[in-house]
Amino acid sequence: MRTKHTPGTWVLDSDPGGRLYVAQEYQGKPGGRICEVFQNCLVDPNTKRANGNILAAAPELLEQLRNTADMLRSACIVITDAEARQMALETVAEARAAIAKATGEKA
């Protein structure tokens, strides 16, 4: 298993009181709540919704970043230009650091 977070697709939803939350999708609908997206005097409603959208996309973003880092690392074998290969390896390292931050692991 590659993740410790709540599995599955996450979606942004709201309750009848207008509170936004991220939930695990269950049978095409929001299921169990993962977190509430808060708003205060420093966060306007549009920013609150944008924060919720990025939180709900986090599992997919993480998986795609993992896949992209793996593919780029594999592509480094055929990159013949030393400068381009170094840039690709640095990008892979940055991606792995972001993955470690997201998963709570060491980079």
PDB file of N, CA and C in Angstrom:
ATOM      1  N   MET A   1       0.848  -1.183   0.000  1.00  0.00           N
ATOM      2  CA  MET A   1       0.000   0.000   0.000  1.00  0.00           C
ATOM      3  C   MET A   1       0.888   1.239   0.000  1.00  0.00           C
ATOM      4  N   ARG A   2       0.590   2.158  -0.894  1.00  0.00           N
ATOM      5  CA  ARG A   2       1.431   3.336  -1.043  1.00  0.00           C
ATOM      6  C   ARG A   2       0.964   4.508  -0.203  1.00  0.00           C
ATOM      7  N   THR A   3      -0.199   4.448   0.370  1.00  0.00           N
ATOM      8  CA  THR A   3      -0.713   5.602   1.110  1.00  0.00           C
ATOM      9  C   THR A   3      -1.263   5.190   2.464  1.00  0.00           C
ATOM     10  N   LYS A   4      -1.301   6.152   3.343  1.00  0.00           N
ATOM     11  CA  LYS A   4      -1.892   5.939   4.661  1.00  0.00           C
ATOM     12  C   LYS A   4      -3.152   6.789   4.831  1.00  0.00           C
ATOM     13  N   HIS A   5      -3.393   7.688   3.878  1.00  0.00           N
ATOM     14  CA  HIS A   5      -4.569   8.559   3.983  1.00  0.00           C
ATOM     15  C   HIS A   5      -5.848   7.787   3.618  1.00  0.00           C
ATOM     16  N   THR A   6      -6.968   8.415   3.831  1.00  0.00           N
ATOM     17  CA  THR A   6      -8.252   7.812   3.488  1.00  0.00           C
ATOM     18  C   THR A   6      -8.259   7.480   1.997  1.00  0.00           C
ATOM     19  N   PRO A   7      -8.512   6.227   1.650  1.00  0.00           N
ATOM     20  CA  PRO A   7      -8.453   5.838   0.240  1.00  0.00           C
ATOM     21  C   PRO A   7      -9.647   6.343  -0.560  1.00  0.00           C
ATOM     22  N   GLY A   8      -9.519   6.243  -1.862  1.00  0.00           N
ATOM     23  CA  GLY A   8     -10.623   6.573  -2.745  1.00  0.00           C
ATOM     24  C   GLY A   8     -10.608   8.012  -3.202  1.00  0.00           C
ATOM     25  N   THR A   9     -11.643   8.345  -3.940  1.00  0.00           N
ATOM     26  CA  THR A   9     -11.814   9.698  -4.462  1.00  0.00           C
ATOM     27  C   THR A   9     -12.372  10.595  -3.372  1.00  0.00           C
ATOM     28  N   TRP A  10     -11.819  11.796  -3.291  1.00  0.00           N
ATOM     29  CA  TRP A  10     -12.322  12.792  -2.343  1.00  0.00           C
ATOM     30  C   TRP A  10     -13.109  13.835  -3.122  1.00  0.00           C
ATOM     31  N   VAL A  11     -14.163  14.347  -2.505  1.00  0.00           N
ATOM     32  CA  VAL A  11     -15.007  15.360  -3.141  1.00  0.00           C
ATOM     33  C   VAL A  11     -15.258  16.500  -2.163  1.00  0.00           C
ATOM     34  N   LEU A  12     -15.524  17.658  -2.725  1.00  0.00           N
ATOM     35  CA  LEU A  12     -15.896  18.815  -1.914  1.00  0.00           C
ATOM     36  C   LEU A  12     -17.410  18.887  -1.861  1.00  0.00           C
ATOM     37  N   ASP A  13     -17.958  19.076  -0.681  1.00  0.00           N
ATOM     38  CA  ASP A  13     -19.408  19.145  -0.519  1.00  0.00           C
ATOM     39  C   ASP A  13     -19.725  20.143   0.585  1.00  0.00           C
ATOM     40  N   SER A  14     -21.001  20.413   0.738  1.00  0.00           N
ATOM     41  CA  SER A  14     -21.436  21.300   1.829  1.00  0.00           C
ATOM     42  C   SER A  14     -22.640  20.691   2.518  1.00  0.00           C
ATOM     43  N   ASP A  15     -22.822  21.078   3.768  1.00  0.00           N
ATOM     44  CA  ASP A  15     -23.990  20.591   4.493  1.00  0.00           C
ATOM     45  C   ASP A  15     -25.096  21.638   4.375  1.00  0.00           C
ATOM     46  N   PRO A  16     -26.295  21.346   4.877  1.00  0.00           N
ATOM     47  CA  PRO A  16     -27.400  22.303   4.762  1.00  0.00           C
ATOM     48  C   PRO A  16     -27.105  23.658   5.411  1.00  0.00           C
ATOM     49  N   GLY A  17     -26.186  23.687   6.365  1.00  0.00           N
ATOM     50  CA  GLY A  17     -25.813  24.948   7.007  1.00  0.00           C
ATOM     51  C   GLY A  17     -24.794  25.755   6.213  1.00  0.00           C
ATOM     52  N   GLY A  18     -24.347  25.213   5.079  1.00  0.00           N
ATOM     53  CA  GLY A  18     -23.411  25.927   4.232  1.00  0.00           C
ATOM     54  C   GLY A  18     -21.948  25.683   4.554  1.00  0.00           C
ATOM     55  N   ARG A  19     -21.664  24.798   5.510  1.00  0.00           N
ATOM     56  CA  ARG A  19     -20.263  24.490   5.821  1.00  0.00           C
ATOM     57  C   ARG A  19     -19.692  23.604   4.729  1.00  0.00           C
ATOM     58  N   LEU A  20     -18.475  23.920   4.296  1.00  0.00           N
ATOM     59  CA  LEU A  20     -17.791  23.111   3.292  1.00  0.00           C
ATOM     60  C   LEU A  20     -16.969  22.033   3.974  1.00  0.00           C
ATOM     61  N   TYR A  21     -16.925  20.870   3.362  1.00  0.00           N
ATOM     62  CA  TYR A  21     -16.080  19.803   3.872  1.00  0.00           C
ATOM     63  C   TYR A  21     -15.620  18.911   2.727  1.00  0.00           C
ATOM     64  N   VAL A  22     -14.523  18.240   2.958  1.00  0.00           N
ATOM     65  CA  VAL A  22     -14.007  17.245   2.025  1.00  0.00           C
ATOM     66  C   VAL A  22     -14.466  15.892   2.547  1.00  0.00           C
ATOM     67  N   ALA A  23     -14.994  15.088   1.639  1.00  0.00           N
ATOM     68  CA  ALA A  23     -15.520  13.780   2.020  1.00  0.00           C
ATOM     69  C   ALA A  23     -15.012  12.719   1.052  1.00  0.00           C
ATOM     70  N   GLN A  24     -14.996  11.492   1.539  1.00  0.00           N
ATOM     71  CA  GLN A  24     -14.672  10.356   0.680  1.00  0.00           C
ATOM     72  C   GLN A  24     -15.903  10.056  -0.166  1.00  0.00           C
ATOM     73  N   GLU A  25     -15.689   9.904  -1.462  1.00  0.00           N
ATOM     74  CA  GLU A  25     -16.811   9.576  -2.333  1.00  0.00           C
ATOM     75  C   GLU A  25     -17.263   8.147  -2.070  1.00  0.00           C
ATOM     76  N   TYR A  26     -18.558   7.956  -1.970  1.00  0.00           N
ATOM     77  CA  TYR A  26     -19.125   6.634  -1.736  1.00  0.00           C
ATOM     78  C   TYR A  26     -20.324   6.470  -2.659  1.00  0.00           C
ATOM     79  N   GLN A  27     -20.254   5.515  -3.572  1.00  0.00           N
ATOM     80  CA  GLN A  27     -21.310   5.232  -4.540  1.00  0.00           C
ATOM     81  C   GLN A  27     -21.731   6.504  -5.287  1.00  0.00           C
ATOM     82  N   GLY A  28     -20.738   7.293  -5.702  1.00  0.00           N
ATOM     83  CA  GLY A  28     -20.995   8.483  -6.502  1.00  0.00           C
ATOM     84  C   GLY A  28     -21.465   9.699  -5.731  1.00  0.00           C
ATOM     85  N   LYS A  29     -21.500   9.593  -4.417  1.00  0.00           N
ATOM     86  CA  LYS A  29     -21.950  10.713  -3.590  1.00  0.00           C
ATOM     87  C   LYS A  29     -20.966  10.923  -2.448  1.00  0.00           C
ATOM     88  N   PRO A  30     -20.984  12.119  -1.825  1.00  0.00           N
ATOM     89  CA  PRO A  30     -20.123  12.323  -0.652  1.00  0.00           C
ATOM     90  C   PRO A  30     -20.483  11.348   0.458  1.00  0.00           C
ATOM     91  N   GLY A  31     -19.461  10.733   1.026  1.00  0.00           N
ATOM     92  CA  GLY A  31     -19.666   9.795   2.121  1.00  0.00           C
ATOM     93  C   GLY A  31     -19.092  10.360   3.409  1.00  0.00           C
ATOM     94  N   GLY A  32     -18.200   9.592   4.028  1.00  0.00           N
ATOM     95  CA  GLY A  32     -17.618  10.011   5.296  1.00  0.00           C
ATOM     96  C   GLY A  32     -16.769  11.257   5.167  1.00  0.00           C
ATOM     97  N   ARG A  33     -16.956  12.179   6.073  1.00  0.00           N
ATOM     98  CA  ARG A  33     -16.203  13.432   6.058  1.00  0.00           C
ATOM     99  C   ARG A  33     -14.755  13.203   6.460  1.00  0.00           C
ATOM    100  N   ILE A  34     -13.864  13.884   5.763  1.00  0.00           N
ATOM    101  CA  ILE A  34     -12.438  13.826   6.048  1.00  0.00           C
ATOM    102  C   ILE A  34     -12.007  15.076   6.800  1.00  0.00           C
ATOM    103  N   CYS A  35     -12.450  16.244   6.338  1.00  0.00           N
ATOM    104  CA  CYS A  35     -12.116  17.486   7.026  1.00  0.00           C
ATOM    105  C   CYS A  35     -13.102  18.578   6.642  1.00  0.00           C
ATOM    106  N   GLU A  36     -13.202  19.568   7.509  1.00  0.00           N
ATOM    107  CA  GLU A  36     -14.004  20.748   7.213  1.00  0.00           C
ATOM    108  C   GLU A  36     -13.079  21.840   6.710  1.00  0.00           C
ATOM    109  N   VAL A  37     -13.564  22.617   5.762  1.00  0.00           N
ATOM    110  CA  VAL A  37     -12.795  23.738   5.221  1.00  0.00           C
ATOM    111  C   VAL A  37     -13.296  24.993   5.922  1.00  0.00           C
ATOM    112  N   PHE A  38     -12.418  25.600   6.700  1.00  0.00           N
ATOM    113  CA  PHE A  38     -12.808  26.736   7.522  1.00  0.00           C
ATOM    114  C   PHE A  38     -12.587  28.064   6.808  1.00  0.00           C
ATOM    115  N   GLN A  39     -13.287  29.062   7.300  1.00  0.00           N
ATOM    116  CA  GLN A  39     -13.150  30.424   6.804  1.00  0.00           C
ATOM    117  C   GLN A  39     -13.037  31.335   8.009  1.00  0.00           C
ATOM    118  N   ASN A  40     -12.174  32.337   7.900  1.00  0.00           N
ATOM    119  CA  ASN A  40     -12.082  33.341   8.947  1.00  0.00           C
ATOM    120  C   ASN A  40     -11.994  34.707   8.286  1.00  0.00           C
ATOM    121  N   CYS A  41     -11.654  35.722   9.045  1.00  0.00           N
ATOM    122  CA  CYS A  41     -11.629  37.078   8.493  1.00  0.00           C
ATOM    123  C   CYS A  41     -10.547  37.258   7.428  1.00  0.00           C
ATOM    124  N   LEU A  42      -9.580  36.364   7.369  1.00  0.00           N
ATOM    125  CA  LEU A  42      -8.501  36.465   6.382  1.00  0.00           C
ATOM    126  C   LEU A  42      -8.771  35.642   5.122  1.00  0.00           C
ATOM    127  N   VAL A  43      -9.840  34.844   5.140  1.00  0.00           N
ATOM    128  CA  VAL A  43     -10.141  33.956   4.013  1.00  0.00           C
ATOM    129  C   VAL A  43     -11.545  34.269   3.503  1.00  0.00           C
ATOM    130  N   ASP A  44     -11.626  34.756   2.261  1.00  0.00           N
ATOM    131  CA  ASP A  44     -12.951  35.051   1.713  1.00  0.00           C
ATOM    132  C   ASP A  44     -13.592  33.763   1.187  1.00  0.00           C
ATOM    133  N   PRO A  45     -14.885  33.789   0.890  1.00  0.00           N
ATOM    134  CA  PRO A  45     -15.575  32.568   0.464  1.00  0.00           C
ATOM    135  C   PRO A  45     -14.977  31.915  -0.789  1.00  0.00           C
ATOM    136  N   ASN A  46     -14.509  32.724  -1.747  1.00  0.00           N
ATOM    137  CA  ASN A  46     -13.912  32.145  -2.955  1.00  0.00           C
ATOM    138  C   ASN A  46     -12.622  31.402  -2.628  1.00  0.00           C
ATOM    139  N   THR A  47     -11.818  31.967  -1.737  1.00  0.00           N
ATOM    140  CA  THR A  47     -10.577  31.316  -1.327  1.00  0.00           C
ATOM    141  C   THR A  47     -10.893  30.049  -0.548  1.00  0.00           C
ATOM    142  N   LYS A  48     -11.920  30.100   0.280  1.00  0.00           N
ATOM    143  CA  LYS A  48     -12.327  28.922   1.042  1.00  0.00           C
ATOM    144  C   LYS A  48     -12.684  27.777   0.094  1.00  0.00           C
ATOM    145  N   ARG A  49     -13.438  28.071  -0.954  1.00  0.00           N
ATOM    146  CA  ARG A  49     -13.823  27.039  -1.919  1.00  0.00           C
ATOM    147  C   ARG A  49     -12.593  26.541  -2.678  1.00  0.00           C
ATOM    148  N   ALA A  50     -11.695  27.439  -3.056  1.00  0.00           N
ATOM    149  CA  ALA A  50     -10.463  27.037  -3.752  1.00  0.00           C
ATOM    150  C   ALA A  50      -9.620  26.140  -2.853  1.00  0.00           C
ATOM    151  N   ASN A  51      -9.541  26.468  -1.566  1.00  0.00           N
ATOM    152  CA  ASN A  51      -8.808  25.613  -0.619  1.00  0.00           C
ATOM    153  C   ASN A  51      -9.443  24.229  -0.550  1.00  0.00           C
ATOM    154  N   GLY A  52     -10.759  24.191  -0.522  1.00  0.00           N
ATOM    155  CA  GLY A  52     -11.460  22.906  -0.496  1.00  0.00           C
ATOM    156  C   GLY A  52     -11.228  22.092  -1.758  1.00  0.00           C
ATOM    157  N   ASN A  53     -11.213  22.773  -2.897  1.00  0.00           N
ATOM    158  CA  ASN A  53     -10.982  22.064  -4.161  1.00  0.00           C
ATOM    159  C   ASN A  53      -9.606  21.413  -4.189  1.00  0.00           C
ATOM    160  N   ILE A  54      -8.580  22.134  -3.740  1.00  0.00           N
ATOM    161  CA  ILE A  54      -7.238  21.552  -3.770  1.00  0.00           C
ATOM    162  C   ILE A  54      -7.107  20.427  -2.742  1.00  0.00           C
ATOM    163  N   LEU A  55      -7.764  20.564  -1.606  1.00  0.00           N
ATOM    164  CA  LEU A  55      -7.750  19.474  -0.622  1.00  0.00           C
ATOM    165  C   LEU A  55      -8.434  18.227  -1.190  1.00  0.00           C
ATOM    166  N   ALA A  56      -9.572  18.417  -1.844  1.00  0.00           N
ATOM    167  CA  ALA A  56     -10.306  17.278  -2.398  1.00  0.00           C
ATOM    168  C   ALA A  56      -9.512  16.596  -3.521  1.00  0.00           C
ATOM    169  N   ALA A  57      -8.683  17.344  -4.225  1.00  0.00           N
ATOM    170  CA  ALA A  57      -7.887  16.784  -5.316  1.00  0.00           C
ATOM    171  C   ALA A  57      -6.589  16.146  -4.831  1.00  0.00           C
ATOM    172  N   ALA A  58      -6.250  16.300  -3.560  1.00  0.00           N
ATOM    173  CA  ALA A  58      -4.945  15.871  -3.042  1.00  0.00           C
ATOM    174  C   ALA A  58      -4.594  14.412  -3.351  1.00  0.00           C
ATOM    175  N   PRO A  59      -5.466  13.435  -3.143  1.00  0.00           N
ATOM    176  CA  PRO A  59      -5.073  12.054  -3.438  1.00  0.00           C
ATOM    177  C   PRO A  59      -4.720  11.837  -4.910  1.00  0.00           C
ATOM    178  N   GLU A  60      -5.499  12.457  -5.805  1.00  0.00           N
ATOM    179  CA  GLU A  60      -5.213  12.307  -7.231  1.00  0.00           C
ATOM    180  C   GLU A  60      -3.917  13.019  -7.606  1.00  0.00           C
ATOM    181  N   LEU A  61      -3.701  14.211  -7.041  1.00  0.00           N
ATOM    182  CA  LEU A  61      -2.458  14.941  -7.305  1.00  0.00           C
ATOM    183  C   LEU A  61      -1.249  14.144  -6.828  1.00  0.00           C
ATOM    184  N   LEU A  62      -1.364  13.556  -5.646  1.00  0.00           N
ATOM    185  CA  LEU A  62      -0.267  12.759  -5.101  1.00  0.00           C
ATOM    186  C   LEU A  62       0.045  11.571  -6.000  1.00  0.00           C
ATOM    187  N   GLU A  63      -0.970  10.859  -6.419  1.00  0.00           N
ATOM    188  CA  GLU A  63      -0.747   9.689  -7.271  1.00  0.00           C
ATOM    189  C   GLU A  63      -0.139  10.087  -8.609  1.00  0.00           C
ATOM    190  N   GLN A  64      -0.640  11.162  -9.193  1.00  0.00           N
ATOM    191  CA  GLN A  64      -0.086  11.607 -10.476  1.00  0.00           C
ATOM    192  C   GLN A  64       1.355  12.095 -10.326  1.00  0.00           C
ATOM    193  N   LEU A  65       1.668  12.763  -9.227  1.00  0.00           N
ATOM    194  CA  LEU A  65       3.041  13.205  -9.004  1.00  0.00           C
ATOM    195  C   LEU A  65       3.963  12.002  -8.845  1.00  0.00           C
ATOM    196  N   ARG A  66       3.512  10.989  -8.130  1.00  0.00           N
ATOM    197  CA  ARG A  66       4.299   9.756  -8.005  1.00  0.00           C
ATOM    198  C   ARG A  66       4.566   9.136  -9.381  1.00  0.00           C
ATOM    199  N   ASN A  67       3.517   9.024 -10.186  1.00  0.00           N
ATOM    200  CA  ASN A  67       3.651   8.429 -11.515  1.00  0.00           C
ATOM    201  C   ASN A  67       4.589   9.246 -12.394  1.00  0.00           C
ATOM    202  N   THR A  68       4.433  10.562 -12.350  1.00  0.00           N
ATOM    203  CA  THR A  68       5.265  11.441 -13.172  1.00  0.00           C
ATOM    204  C   THR A  68       6.727  11.362 -12.741  1.00  0.00           C
ATOM    205  N   ALA A  69       6.978  11.363 -11.442  1.00  0.00           N
ATOM    206  CA  ALA A  69       8.352  11.263 -10.940  1.00  0.00           C
ATOM    207  C   ALA A  69       8.978   9.930 -11.357  1.00  0.00           C
ATOM    208  N   ASP A  70       8.212   8.857 -11.267  1.00  0.00           N
ATOM    209  CA  ASP A  70       8.718   7.543 -11.681  1.00  0.00           C
ATOM    210  C   ASP A  70       9.045   7.518 -13.173  1.00  0.00           C
ATOM    211  N   MET A  71       8.159   8.070 -13.990  1.00  0.00           N
ATOM    212  CA  MET A  71       8.384   8.067 -15.439  1.00  0.00           C
ATOM    213  C   MET A  71       9.572   8.957 -15.813  1.00  0.00           C
ATOM    214  N   LEU A  72       9.683  10.125 -15.177  1.00  0.00           N
ATOM    215  CA  LEU A  72      10.802  11.016 -15.470  1.00  0.00           C
ATOM    216  C   LEU A  72      12.115  10.376 -15.051  1.00  0.00           C
ATOM    217  N   ARG A  73      12.116   9.705 -13.915  1.00  0.00           N
ATOM    218  CA  ARG A  73      13.333   9.019 -13.458  1.00  0.00           C
ATOM    219  C   ARG A  73      13.737   7.938 -14.454  1.00  0.00           C
ATOM    220  N   SER A  74      12.775   7.205 -14.956  1.00  0.00           N
ATOM    221  CA  SER A  74      13.060   6.181 -15.964  1.00  0.00           C
ATOM    222  C   SER A  74      13.564   6.802 -17.261  1.00  0.00           C
ATOM    223  N   ALA A  75      13.020   7.938 -17.634  1.00  0.00           N
ATOM    224  CA  ALA A  75      13.425   8.612 -18.873  1.00  0.00           C
ATOM    225  C   ALA A  75      14.857   9.138 -18.789  1.00  0.00           C
ATOM    226  N   CYS A  76      15.361   9.354 -17.584  1.00  0.00           N
ATOM    227  CA  CYS A  76      16.725   9.859 -17.417  1.00  0.00           C
ATOM    228  C   CYS A  76      17.759   8.920 -18.034  1.00  0.00           C
ATOM    229  N   ILE A  77      17.418   7.661 -18.161  1.00  0.00           N
ATOM    230  CA  ILE A  77      18.332   6.673 -18.750  1.00  0.00           C
ATOM    231  C   ILE A  77      18.645   7.021 -20.200  1.00  0.00           C
ATOM    232  N   VAL A  78      17.654   7.544 -20.923  1.00  0.00           N
ATOM    233  CA  VAL A  78      17.848   7.816 -22.345  1.00  0.00           C
ATOM    234  C   VAL A  78      18.165   9.272 -22.656  1.00  0.00           C
ATOM    235  N   ILE A  79      18.177  10.124 -21.654  1.00  0.00           N
ATOM    236  CA  ILE A  79      18.541  11.528 -21.886  1.00  0.00           C
ATOM    237  C   ILE A  79      20.062  11.593 -22.032  1.00  0.00           C
ATOM    238  N   THR A  80      20.505  11.976 -23.212  1.00  0.00           N
ATOM    239  CA  THR A  80      21.944  11.975 -23.483  1.00  0.00           C
ATOM    240  C   THR A  80      22.624  13.288 -23.117  1.00  0.00           C
ATOM    241  N   ASP A  81      21.898  14.378 -23.121  1.00  0.00           N
ATOM    242  CA  ASP A  81      22.482  15.666 -22.768  1.00  0.00           C
ATOM    243  C   ASP A  81      22.652  15.738 -21.247  1.00  0.00           C
ATOM    244  N   ALA A  82      23.886  15.955 -20.792  1.00  0.00           N
ATOM    245  CA  ALA A  82      24.184  15.928 -19.358  1.00  0.00           C
ATOM    246  C   ALA A  82      23.414  16.997 -18.589  1.00  0.00           C
ATOM    247  N   GLU A  83      23.302  18.185 -19.161  1.00  0.00           N
ATOM    248  CA  GLU A  83      22.588  19.272 -18.471  1.00  0.00           C
ATOM    249  C   GLU A  83      21.098  18.949 -18.357  1.00  0.00           C
ATOM    250  N   ALA A  84      20.521  18.423 -19.423  1.00  0.00           N
ATOM    251  CA  ALA A  84      19.105  18.055 -19.404  1.00  0.00           C
ATOM    252  C   ALA A  84      18.852  16.923 -18.421  1.00  0.00           C
ATOM    253  N   ARG A  85      19.762  15.946 -18.384  1.00  0.00           N
ATOM    254  CA  ARG A  85      19.620  14.839 -17.439  1.00  0.00           C
ATOM    255  C   ARG A  85      19.689  15.354 -16.000  1.00  0.00           C
ATOM    256  N   GLN A  86      20.612  16.270 -15.738  1.00  0.00           N
ATOM    257  CA  GLN A  86      20.744  16.825 -14.384  1.00  0.00           C
ATOM    258  C   GLN A  86      19.477  17.582 -13.982  1.00  0.00           C
ATOM    259  N   MET A  87      18.926  18.361 -14.925  1.00  0.00           N
ATOM    260  CA  MET A  87      17.683  19.086 -14.632  1.00  0.00           C
ATOM    261  C   MET A  87      16.547  18.107 -14.345  1.00  0.00           C
ATOM    262  N   ALA A  88      16.474  17.022 -15.097  1.00  0.00           N
ATOM    263  CA  ALA A  88      15.430  16.020 -14.868  1.00  0.00           C
ATOM    264  C   ALA A  88      15.601  15.357 -13.503  1.00  0.00           C
ATOM    265  N   LEU A  89      16.832  15.029 -13.145  1.00  0.00           N
ATOM    266  CA  LEU A  89      17.082  14.404 -11.837  1.00  0.00           C
ATOM    267  C   LEU A  89      16.746  15.356 -10.694  1.00  0.00           C
ATOM    268  N   GLU A  90      17.033  16.646 -10.869  1.00  0.00           N
ATOM    269  CA  GLU A  90      16.678  17.637  -9.849  1.00  0.00           C
ATOM    270  C   GLU A  90      15.160  17.760  -9.717  1.00  0.00           C
ATOM    271  N   THR A  91      14.473  17.702 -10.845  1.00  0.00           N
ATOM    272  CA  THR A  91      13.005  17.757 -10.822  1.00  0.00           C
ATOM    273  C   THR A  91      12.430  16.539 -10.109  1.00  0.00           C
ATOM    274  N   VAL A  92      13.000  15.372 -10.358  1.00  0.00           N
ATOM    275  CA  VAL A  92      12.570  14.154  -9.664  1.00  0.00           C
ATOM    276  C   VAL A  92      12.787  14.306  -8.164  1.00  0.00           C
ATOM    277  N   ALA A  93      13.931  14.849  -7.762  1.00  0.00           N
ATOM    278  CA  ALA A  93      14.219  15.039  -6.333  1.00  0.00           C
ATOM    279  C   ALA A  93      13.217  16.001  -5.696  1.00  0.00           C
ATOM    280  N   GLU A  94      12.879  17.070  -6.408  1.00  0.00           N
ATOM    281  CA  GLU A  94      11.884  18.019  -5.890  1.00  0.00           C
ATOM    282  C   GLU A  94      10.514  17.362  -5.769  1.00  0.00           C
ATOM    283  N   ALA A  95      10.168  16.541  -6.743  1.00  0.00           N
ATOM    284  CA  ALA A  95       8.888  15.825  -6.684  1.00  0.00           C
ATOM    285  C   ALA A  95       8.869  14.856  -5.511  1.00  0.00           C
ATOM    286  N   ARG A  96       9.953  14.151  -5.311  1.00  0.00           N
ATOM    287  CA  ARG A  96      10.028  13.196  -4.192  1.00  0.00           C
ATOM    288  C   ARG A  96       9.956  13.926  -2.847  1.00  0.00           C
ATOM    289  N   ALA A  97      10.530  15.132  -2.772  1.00  0.00           N
ATOM    290  CA  ALA A  97      10.434  15.923  -1.535  1.00  0.00           C
ATOM    291  C   ALA A  97       8.989  16.332  -1.278  1.00  0.00           C
ATOM    292  N   ALA A  98       8.274  16.725  -2.320  1.00  0.00           N
ATOM    293  CA  ALA A  98       6.860  17.095  -2.168  1.00  0.00           C
ATOM    294  C   ALA A  98       6.032  15.884  -1.757  1.00  0.00           C
ATOM    295  N   ILE A  99       6.328  14.724  -2.325  1.00  0.00           N
ATOM    296  CA  ILE A  99       5.639  13.482  -1.961  1.00  0.00           C
ATOM    297  C   ILE A  99       5.886  13.152  -0.505  1.00  0.00           C
ATOM    298  N   ALA A 100       7.143  13.305  -0.062  1.00  0.00           N
ATOM    299  CA  ALA A 100       7.476  13.034   1.338  1.00  0.00           C
ATOM    300  C   ALA A 100       6.727  13.985   2.262  1.00  0.00           C
ATOM    301  N   LYS A 101       6.616  15.245   1.875  1.00  0.00           N
ATOM    302  CA  LYS A 101       5.870  16.212   2.690  1.00  0.00           C
ATOM    303  C   LYS A 101       4.403  15.802   2.804  1.00  0.00           C
ATOM    304  N   ALA A 102       3.842  15.363   1.687  1.00  0.00           N
ATOM    305  CA  ALA A 102       2.430  14.976   1.673  1.00  0.00           C
ATOM    306  C   ALA A 102       2.156  13.703   2.457  1.00  0.00           C
ATOM    307  N   THR A 103       3.150  12.816   2.516  1.00  0.00           N
ATOM    308  CA  THR A 103       2.931  11.529   3.173  1.00  0.00           C
ATOM    309  C   THR A 103       3.532  11.453   4.578  1.00  0.00           C
ATOM    310  N   GLY A 104       4.238  12.508   4.978  1.00  0.00           N
ATOM    311  CA  GLY A 104       4.836  12.523   6.306  1.00  0.00           C
ATOM    312  C   GLY A 104       6.076  11.649   6.420  1.00  0.00           C
ATOM    313  N   GLU A 105       6.690  11.371   5.282  1.00  0.00           N
ATOM    314  CA  GLU A 105       7.887  10.530   5.263  1.00  0.00           C
ATOM    315  C   GLU A 105       9.126  11.391   5.083  1.00  0.00           C
ATOM    316  N   LYS A 106      10.297  10.779   5.255  1.00  0.00           N
ATOM    317  CA  LYS A 106      11.543  11.484   5.002  1.00  0.00           C
ATOM    318  C   LYS A 106      11.779  11.581   3.504  1.00  0.00           C
ATOM    319  N   ALA A 107      12.329  12.706   3.075  1.00  0.00           N
ATOM    320  CA  ALA A 107      12.637  12.892   1.649  1.00  0.00           C
ATOM    321  C   ALA A 107      13.855  12.090   1.249  1.00  0.00           C
TER     322      ALA A 107
END
